[in-house]
Amino acid sequence: MVFHDNIQINSSVLIIGDGVIIQEGVKINASEFTIGDYGTIYFGCFFPGPGTLHIGHNFWLGNNSVVDCLGGTTIGNNVGIGAHSQLWSHMKFGDVIAGCRFHTTNPLTIGNDVWLVGHNLVAPVTIEDRVLAMLGSLIVKDIPADRTVAGSPAKDVTDKFGAQFVATDSAFRLDALKRRIEKFAIEKNVPKIWEHIEICSGMPTVLSDQKTIIDVVSRTYRKTGSRVEME
């Protein structure tokens, strides 16, 4: 984990995974705050609460963004949220005794592999897996999986731009990851890279005690905590 200066975390339950980076000036007010491995929270981000905020692995949050958790916020794995975005789970301000009708909290749920490109405004909705929201989208309705949205308010533009992902088979994934790992080995001067890492399509039943084993089908890996694995 890497913590920069002037970070404030006010939480009764705090769980932070391996390889997480939190940059300077981040403020987290959540009764429960959990984040998985390899999350990056850039400078100046604010997490207002109190409430529960659960974030998966490989999270990326751009600078000066707001992720509210008063209504309860859940974010899946491999989610990217671009700079200056605001995600809200409550709408409260006016005097309810004087008749203000707008005083609500609702859960905000974001699935896996979602990409909010940046400057996005999000109401307490459900965004399902693999959704892509273009720059500056205002999201006020639930979005089903594999859709691309844009505009204010955000509209479905999948027919125009396509979905964020295309299907890949295990052979393609194995080859692509092999080439990336070999490039990494050259850049980091790790000549015997395959003594440290094994890639497969389906996690084997017998696991090596020494190697990081990566399954390209489930997109998971078996940890060893080695330096090469962390890099």
C-alpha atoms as a PDB file:
ATOM      1  CA  MET A   1       0.000   0.000   0.000  1.00  0.00           C
ATOM      2  CA  VAL A   2       1.079   3.580  -0.702  1.00  0.00           C
ATOM      3  CA  PHE A   3      -0.485   6.438   1.286  1.00  0.00           C
ATOM      4  CA  HIS A   4       0.384  10.019   0.369  1.00  0.00           C
ATOM      5  CA  ASP A   5       0.103  13.084   2.641  1.00  0.00           C
ATOM      6  CA  ASN A   6      -2.992  14.618   4.250  1.00  0.00           C
ATOM      7  CA  ILE A   7      -5.291  11.609   3.976  1.00  0.00           C
ATOM      8  CA  GLN A   8      -8.291  11.429   6.324  1.00  0.00           C
ATOM      9  CA  ILE A   9     -10.176   8.157   6.878  1.00  0.00           C
ATOM     10  CA  ASN A  10     -13.092   8.165   9.325  1.00  0.00           C
ATOM     11  CA  SER A  11     -14.450   4.622   9.391  1.00  0.00           C
ATOM     12  CA  SER A  12     -15.426   2.027  11.979  1.00  0.00           C
ATOM     13  CA  VAL A  13     -14.647  -0.827   9.560  1.00  0.00           C
ATOM     14  CA  LEU A  14     -11.642  -0.439   7.264  1.00  0.00           C
ATOM     15  CA  ILE A  15     -10.290  -3.099   4.889  1.00  0.00           C
ATOM     16  CA  ILE A  16      -7.673  -2.175   2.260  1.00  0.00           C
ATOM     17  CA  GLY A  17      -6.240  -4.721  -0.184  1.00  0.00           C
ATOM     18  CA  ASP A  18      -2.712  -5.215  -1.514  1.00  0.00           C
ATOM     19  CA  GLY A  19      -1.161  -2.679  -3.854  1.00  0.00           C
ATOM     20  CA  VAL A  20      -3.637   0.118  -3.137  1.00  0.00           C
ATOM     21  CA  ILE A  21      -2.483   3.701  -3.777  1.00  0.00           C
ATOM     22  CA  ILE A  22      -4.256   6.648  -2.131  1.00  0.00           C
ATOM     23  CA  GLN A  23      -2.912  10.037  -3.145  1.00  0.00           C
ATOM     24  CA  GLU A  24      -2.776  13.269  -1.201  1.00  0.00           C
ATOM     25  CA  GLY A  25      -5.808  15.087   0.160  1.00  0.00           C
ATOM     26  CA  VAL A  26      -8.236  12.166  -0.039  1.00  0.00           C
ATOM     27  CA  LYS A  27     -11.005  12.248   2.593  1.00  0.00           C
ATOM     28  CA  ILE A  28     -13.117   9.175   3.367  1.00  0.00           C
ATOM     29  CA  ASN A  29     -16.158   9.373   5.667  1.00  0.00           C
ATOM     30  CA  ALA A  30     -17.774   5.919   5.646  1.00  0.00           C
ATOM     31  CA  SER A  31     -19.033   3.758   8.468  1.00  0.00           C
ATOM     32  CA  GLU A  32     -17.614   0.825   6.465  1.00  0.00           C
ATOM     33  CA  PHE A  33     -14.941   1.260   3.794  1.00  0.00           C
ATOM     34  CA  THR A  34     -13.500  -1.713   1.942  1.00  0.00           C
ATOM     35  CA  ILE A  35     -11.408  -1.758  -1.232  1.00  0.00           C
ATOM     36  CA  GLY A  36      -9.807  -4.746  -2.954  1.00  0.00           C
ATOM     37  CA  ASP A  37      -6.337  -5.157  -4.421  1.00  0.00           C
ATOM     38  CA  TYR A  38      -4.616  -2.670  -6.713  1.00  0.00           C
ATOM     39  CA  GLY A  39      -6.992   0.254  -6.391  1.00  0.00           C
ATOM     40  CA  THR A  40      -5.791   3.764  -7.194  1.00  0.00           C
ATOM     41  CA  ILE A  41      -7.502   6.849  -5.774  1.00  0.00           C
ATOM     42  CA  TYR A  42      -6.076  10.063  -7.173  1.00  0.00           C
ATOM     43  CA  PHE A  43      -5.592  13.313  -5.286  1.00  0.00           C
ATOM     44  CA  GLY A  44      -8.400  15.431  -3.908  1.00  0.00           C
ATOM     45  CA  CYS A  45     -11.139  12.781  -3.941  1.00  0.00           C
ATOM     46  CA  PHE A  46     -13.913  12.930  -1.352  1.00  0.00           C
ATOM     47  CA  PHE A  47     -16.124  10.105  -0.049  1.00  0.00           C
ATOM     48  CA  PRO A  48     -18.981  11.701   1.937  1.00  0.00           C
ATOM     49  CA  GLY A  49     -21.049   9.579   4.306  1.00  0.00           C
ATOM     50  CA  PRO A  50     -21.627   8.068   6.742  1.00  0.00           C
ATOM     51  CA  GLY A  51     -22.674   4.855   5.055  1.00  0.00           C
ATOM     52  CA  THR A  52     -21.212   1.668   3.605  1.00  0.00           C
ATOM     53  CA  LEU A  53     -18.812   1.801   0.682  1.00  0.00           C
ATOM     54  CA  HIS A  54     -17.555  -1.487  -0.769  1.00  0.00           C
ATOM     55  CA  ILE A  55     -15.178  -1.392  -3.753  1.00  0.00           C
ATOM     56  CA  GLY A  56     -13.748  -4.379  -5.630  1.00  0.00           C
ATOM     57  CA  HIS A  57     -10.317  -5.050  -7.130  1.00  0.00           C
ATOM     58  CA  ASN A  58      -8.501  -2.903  -9.723  1.00  0.00           C
ATOM     59  CA  PHE A  59     -10.437   0.278  -8.965  1.00  0.00           C
ATOM     60  CA  TRP A  60      -9.352   3.547 -10.557  1.00  0.00           C
ATOM     61  CA  LEU A  61     -10.717   6.938  -9.499  1.00  0.00           C
ATOM     62  CA  GLY A  62      -9.573  10.156 -11.167  1.00  0.00           C
ATOM     63  CA  ASN A  63      -8.630  13.301  -9.267  1.00  0.00           C
ATOM     64  CA  ASN A  64     -11.140  15.556  -7.503  1.00  0.00           C
ATOM     65  CA  SER A  65     -14.005  13.089  -7.775  1.00  0.00           C
ATOM     66  CA  VAL A  66     -16.810  12.528  -5.256  1.00  0.00           C
ATOM     67  CA  VAL A  67     -18.214   9.092  -4.391  1.00  0.00           C
ATOM     68  CA  ASP A  68     -21.032   9.367  -1.855  1.00  0.00           C
ATOM     69  CA  CYS A  69     -22.005   6.446   0.386  1.00  0.00           C
ATOM     70  CA  LEU A  70     -24.833   7.768   2.562  1.00  0.00           C
ATOM     71  CA  GLY A  71     -27.367   5.468   0.888  1.00  0.00           C
ATOM     72  CA  GLY A  72     -24.949   2.554   0.606  1.00  0.00           C
ATOM     73  CA  THR A  73     -22.578   2.264  -2.369  1.00  0.00           C
ATOM     74  CA  THR A  74     -21.238  -0.924  -3.941  1.00  0.00           C
ATOM     75  CA  ILE A  75     -18.678  -0.919  -6.772  1.00  0.00           C
ATOM     76  CA  GLY A  76     -17.496  -4.093  -8.505  1.00  0.00           C
ATOM     77  CA  ASN A  77     -14.141  -5.189  -9.916  1.00  0.00           C
ATOM     78  CA  ASN A  78     -12.209  -3.423 -12.690  1.00  0.00           C
ATOM     79  CA  VAL A  79     -14.155  -0.166 -12.474  1.00  0.00           C
ATOM     80  CA  GLY A  80     -12.687   3.080 -13.791  1.00  0.00           C
ATOM     81  CA  ILE A  81     -14.128   6.501 -12.967  1.00  0.00           C
ATOM     82  CA  GLY A  82     -12.555   9.517 -14.658  1.00  0.00           C
ATOM     83  CA  ALA A  83     -11.567  12.809 -13.070  1.00  0.00           C
ATOM     84  CA  HIS A  84     -14.086  15.312 -11.699  1.00  0.00           C
ATOM     85  CA  SER A  85     -16.942  12.804 -11.559  1.00  0.00           C
ATOM     86  CA  GLN A  86     -19.642  12.827  -8.882  1.00  0.00           C
ATOM     87  CA  LEU A  87     -21.573   9.739  -7.762  1.00  0.00           C
ATOM     88  CA  TRP A  88     -24.419  10.287  -5.304  1.00  0.00           C
ATOM     89  CA  SER A  89     -26.663   8.088  -3.153  1.00  0.00           C
ATOM     90  CA  HIS A  90     -28.718  10.789  -1.461  1.00  0.00           C
ATOM     91  CA  MET A  91     -30.707  13.944  -2.154  1.00  0.00           C
ATOM     92  CA  LYS A  92     -31.166  16.021   0.991  1.00  0.00           C
ATOM     93  CA  PHE A  93     -31.208  19.706   1.736  1.00  0.00           C
ATOM     94  CA  GLY A  94     -34.602  21.421   2.116  1.00  0.00           C
ATOM     95  CA  ASP A  95     -36.633  21.707   5.322  1.00  0.00           C
ATOM     96  CA  VAL A  96     -38.962  18.701   5.462  1.00  0.00           C
ATOM     97  CA  ILE A  97     -41.012  20.301   8.267  1.00  0.00           C
ATOM     98  CA  ALA A  98     -41.710  23.206   5.926  1.00  0.00           C
ATOM     99  CA  GLY A  99     -42.836  20.735   3.275  1.00  0.00           C
ATOM    100  CA  CYS A 100     -39.711  19.919   1.237  1.00  0.00           C
ATOM    101  CA  ARG A 101     -40.510  16.769  -0.749  1.00  0.00           C
ATOM    102  CA  PHE A 102     -36.949  15.851  -1.690  1.00  0.00           C
ATOM    103  CA  HIS A 103     -35.272  14.032   1.195  1.00  0.00           C
ATOM    104  CA  THR A 104     -34.125  10.578   0.108  1.00  0.00           C
ATOM    105  CA  THR A 105     -31.304   8.062   0.264  1.00  0.00           C
ATOM    106  CA  ASN A 106     -31.025   5.104  -2.108  1.00  0.00           C
ATOM    107  CA  PRO A 107     -28.333   2.500  -2.871  1.00  0.00           C
ATOM    108  CA  LEU A 108     -25.849   3.124  -5.666  1.00  0.00           C
ATOM    109  CA  THR A 109     -24.644  -0.076  -7.323  1.00  0.00           C
ATOM    110  CA  ILE A 110     -21.998  -0.370 -10.047  1.00  0.00           C
ATOM    111  CA  GLY A 111     -21.130  -3.749 -11.563  1.00  0.00           C
ATOM    112  CA  ASN A 112     -17.864  -5.153 -12.918  1.00  0.00           C
ATOM    113  CA  ASP A 113     -15.809  -3.697 -15.781  1.00  0.00           C
ATOM    114  CA  VAL A 114     -17.727  -0.421 -15.809  1.00  0.00           C
ATOM    115  CA  TRP A 115     -15.982   2.645 -17.251  1.00  0.00           C
ATOM    116  CA  LEU A 116     -17.260   6.146 -16.516  1.00  0.00           C
ATOM    117  CA  VAL A 117     -14.942   8.129 -18.760  1.00  0.00           C
ATOM    118  CA  GLY A 118     -14.872  11.372 -16.772  1.00  0.00           C
ATOM    119  CA  HIS A 119     -16.876  14.426 -15.637  1.00  0.00           C
ATOM    120  CA  ASN A 120     -19.806  12.074 -15.084  1.00  0.00           C
ATOM    121  CA  LEU A 121     -22.720  12.819 -12.755  1.00  0.00           C
ATOM    122  CA  VAL A 122     -24.466   9.736 -11.373  1.00  0.00           C
ATOM    123  CA  ALA A 123     -27.675   9.467  -9.345  1.00  0.00           C
ATOM    124  CA  PRO A 124     -28.392   6.509  -7.021  1.00  0.00           C
ATOM    125  CA  VAL A 125     -28.968   3.945  -9.770  1.00  0.00           C
ATOM    126  CA  THR A 126     -27.826   0.466 -10.758  1.00  0.00           C
ATOM    127  CA  ILE A 127     -25.194   0.280 -13.509  1.00  0.00           C
ATOM    128  CA  GLU A 128     -24.687  -3.298 -14.632  1.00  0.00           C
ATOM    129  CA  ASP A 129     -21.519  -5.008 -15.916  1.00  0.00           C
ATOM    130  CA  ARG A 130     -19.379  -3.670 -18.776  1.00  0.00           C
ATOM    131  CA  VAL A 131     -21.255  -0.384 -19.200  1.00  0.00           C
ATOM    132  CA  LEU A 132     -19.399   2.532 -20.809  1.00  0.00           C
ATOM    133  CA  ALA A 133     -20.507   6.110 -20.065  1.00  0.00           C
ATOM    134  CA  MET A 134     -19.004   8.735 -22.368  1.00  0.00           C
ATOM    135  CA  LEU A 135     -17.420  11.971 -21.128  1.00  0.00           C
ATOM    136  CA  GLY A 136     -19.850  14.248 -19.304  1.00  0.00           C
ATOM    137  CA  SER A 137     -22.738  11.795 -19.097  1.00  0.00           C
ATOM    138  CA  LEU A 138     -25.544  12.549 -16.627  1.00  0.00           C
ATOM    139  CA  ILE A 139     -26.843   9.167 -15.438  1.00  0.00           C
ATOM    140  CA  VAL A 140     -30.252   9.252 -13.748  1.00  0.00           C
ATOM    141  CA  LYS A 141     -31.657   5.829 -14.758  1.00  0.00           C
ATOM    142  CA  ASP A 142     -30.514   2.217 -14.365  1.00  0.00           C
ATOM    143  CA  ILE A 143     -28.318   0.931 -17.214  1.00  0.00           C
ATOM    144  CA  PRO A 144     -28.346  -2.740 -18.255  1.00  0.00           C
ATOM    145  CA  ALA A 145     -25.155  -4.653 -19.022  1.00  0.00           C
ATOM    146  CA  ASP A 146     -23.083  -4.102 -22.167  1.00  0.00           C
ATOM    147  CA  ARG A 147     -24.547  -0.726 -23.069  1.00  0.00           C
ATOM    148  CA  THR A 148     -22.826   2.512 -24.042  1.00  0.00           C
ATOM    149  CA  VAL A 149     -24.460   5.774 -22.975  1.00  0.00           C
ATOM    150  CA  ALA A 150     -23.795   9.468 -23.585  1.00  0.00           C
ATOM    151  CA  GLY A 151     -25.349  12.875 -23.036  1.00  0.00           C
ATOM    152  CA  SER A 152     -27.346  14.804 -20.467  1.00  0.00           C
ATOM    153  CA  PRO A 153     -29.461  13.005 -19.525  1.00  0.00           C
ATOM    154  CA  ALA A 154     -27.567   9.940 -20.711  1.00  0.00           C
ATOM    155  CA  LYS A 155     -29.122   8.022 -23.604  1.00  0.00           C
ATOM    156  CA  ASP A 156     -28.241   4.627 -25.053  1.00  0.00           C
ATOM    157  CA  VAL A 157     -25.851   5.060 -27.991  1.00  0.00           C
ATOM    158  CA  THR A 158     -24.714   1.446 -28.254  1.00  0.00           C
ATOM    159  CA  ASP A 159     -26.067   1.135 -31.813  1.00  0.00           C
ATOM    160  CA  LYS A 160     -23.834   4.035 -32.845  1.00  0.00           C
ATOM    161  CA  PHE A 161     -20.619   3.359 -30.901  1.00  0.00           C
ATOM    162  CA  GLY A 162     -20.866  -0.318 -29.974  1.00  0.00           C
ATOM    163  CA  ALA A 163     -20.408  -1.938 -26.586  1.00  0.00           C
ATOM    164  CA  GLN A 164     -17.243  -1.498 -24.512  1.00  0.00           C
ATOM    165  CA  PHE A 165     -16.160  -5.155 -24.900  1.00  0.00           C
ATOM    166  CA  VAL A 166     -16.031  -7.736 -27.673  1.00  0.00           C
ATOM    167  CA  ALA A 167     -15.864 -11.449 -26.935  1.00  0.00           C
ATOM    168  CA  THR A 168     -12.409 -13.071 -26.799  1.00  0.00           C
ATOM    169  CA  ASP A 169     -11.646 -16.779 -26.523  1.00  0.00           C
ATOM    170  CA  SER A 170      -9.117 -18.402 -24.212  1.00  0.00           C
ATOM    171  CA  ALA A 171      -6.528 -18.871 -26.995  1.00  0.00           C
ATOM    172  CA  PHE A 172      -6.535 -15.143 -27.746  1.00  0.00           C
ATOM    173  CA  ARG A 173      -6.284 -14.277 -24.048  1.00  0.00           C
ATOM    174  CA  LEU A 174      -3.395 -16.674 -23.453  1.00  0.00           C
ATOM    175  CA  ASP A 175      -1.440 -15.319 -26.410  1.00  0.00           C
ATOM    176  CA  ALA A 176      -2.124 -11.672 -25.553  1.00  0.00           C
ATOM    177  CA  LEU A 177      -1.137 -12.116 -21.901  1.00  0.00           C
ATOM    178  CA  LYS A 178       1.970 -14.111 -22.818  1.00  0.00           C
ATOM    179  CA  ARG A 179       3.182 -11.287 -25.050  1.00  0.00           C
ATOM    180  CA  ARG A 180       2.480  -8.678 -22.365  1.00  0.00           C
ATOM    181  CA  ILE A 181       4.344 -10.656 -19.707  1.00  0.00           C
ATOM    182  CA  GLU A 182       7.342 -11.169 -21.998  1.00  0.00           C
ATOM    183  CA  LYS A 183       7.406  -7.426 -22.719  1.00  0.00           C
ATOM    184  CA  PHE A 184       7.254  -6.751 -18.964  1.00  0.00           C
ATOM    185  CA  ALA A 185      10.166  -9.181 -18.413  1.00  0.00           C
ATOM    186  CA  ILE A 186      12.340  -7.226 -20.861  1.00  0.00           C
ATOM    187  CA  GLU A 187      11.416  -3.838 -19.406  1.00  0.00           C
ATOM    188  CA  LYS A 188      11.977  -4.962 -15.799  1.00  0.00           C
ATOM    189  CA  ASN A 189      14.995  -7.185 -16.557  1.00  0.00           C
ATOM    190  CA  VAL A 190      13.443 -10.425 -15.318  1.00  0.00           C
ATOM    191  CA  PRO A 191      15.081 -12.961 -17.669  1.00  0.00           C
ATOM    192  CA  LYS A 192      13.470 -16.055 -16.120  1.00  0.00           C
ATOM    193  CA  ILE A 193       9.945 -14.688 -15.905  1.00  0.00           C
ATOM    194  CA  TRP A 194       8.272 -18.086 -16.372  1.00  0.00           C
ATOM    195  CA  GLU A 195       9.898 -19.313 -13.173  1.00  0.00           C
ATOM    196  CA  HIS A 196       7.679 -16.811 -11.375  1.00  0.00           C
ATOM    197  CA  ILE A 197       4.446 -16.814 -13.390  1.00  0.00           C
ATOM    198  CA  GLU A 198       2.236 -19.422 -15.028  1.00  0.00           C
ATOM    199  CA  ILE A 199      -0.763 -18.634 -17.229  1.00  0.00           C
ATOM    200  CA  CYS A 200      -3.563 -21.067 -17.977  1.00  0.00           C
ATOM    201  CA  SER A 201      -7.146 -21.331 -19.213  1.00  0.00           C
ATOM    202  CA  GLY A 202      -8.806 -22.775 -16.125  1.00  0.00           C
ATOM    203  CA  MET A 203      -7.133 -22.894 -12.734  1.00  0.00           C
ATOM    204  CA  PRO A 204      -5.268 -26.225 -12.311  1.00  0.00           C
ATOM    205  CA  THR A 205      -6.188 -28.531  -9.448  1.00  0.00           C
ATOM    206  CA  VAL A 206      -2.525 -28.879  -8.426  1.00  0.00           C
ATOM    207  CA  LEU A 207      -0.899 -25.513  -7.774  1.00  0.00           C
ATOM    208  CA  SER A 208       2.798 -24.718  -7.699  1.00  0.00           C
ATOM    209  CA  ASP A 209       3.964 -23.317  -4.368  1.00  0.00           C
ATOM    210  CA  GLN A 210       6.336 -20.931  -6.084  1.00  0.00           C
ATOM    211  CA  LYS A 211       4.495 -19.404  -9.038  1.00  0.00           C
ATOM    212  CA  THR A 212       1.789 -16.818  -9.467  1.00  0.00           C
ATOM    213  CA  ILE A 213      -0.863 -18.652 -11.470  1.00  0.00           C
ATOM    214  CA  ILE A 214      -3.141 -16.564 -13.695  1.00  0.00           C
ATOM    215  CA  ASP A 215      -6.364 -17.971 -15.153  1.00  0.00           C
ATOM    216  CA  VAL A 216      -7.363 -16.025 -18.274  1.00  0.00           C
ATOM    217  CA  VAL A 217     -10.869 -17.527 -18.312  1.00  0.00           C
ATOM    218  CA  SER A 218     -11.984 -16.409 -14.850  1.00  0.00           C
ATOM    219  CA  ARG A 219      -9.568 -13.440 -14.897  1.00  0.00           C
ATOM    220  CA  THR A 220      -8.291 -14.355 -11.438  1.00  0.00           C
ATOM    221  CA  TYR A 221      -4.906 -15.339 -10.072  1.00  0.00           C
ATOM    222  CA  ARG A 222      -3.438 -17.264  -7.166  1.00  0.00           C
ATOM    223  CA  LYS A 223      -1.330 -14.930  -5.033  1.00  0.00           C
ATOM    224  CA  THR A 224       2.167 -15.554  -3.791  1.00  0.00           C
ATOM    225  CA  GLY A 225       2.969 -11.978  -2.766  1.00  0.00           C
ATOM    226  CA  SER A 226       6.267 -12.058  -4.679  1.00  0.00           C
ATOM    227  CA  ARG A 227       8.018  -8.902  -5.896  1.00  0.00           C
ATOM    228  CA  VAL A 228       7.525  -9.911  -9.532  1.00  0.00           C
ATOM    229  CA  GLU A 229       3.826 -10.476  -8.944  1.00  0.00           C
ATOM    230  CA  MET A 230       3.404  -7.066  -7.316  1.00  0.00           C
ATOM    231  CA  GLU A 231       5.231  -5.314 -10.161  1.00  0.00           C
END
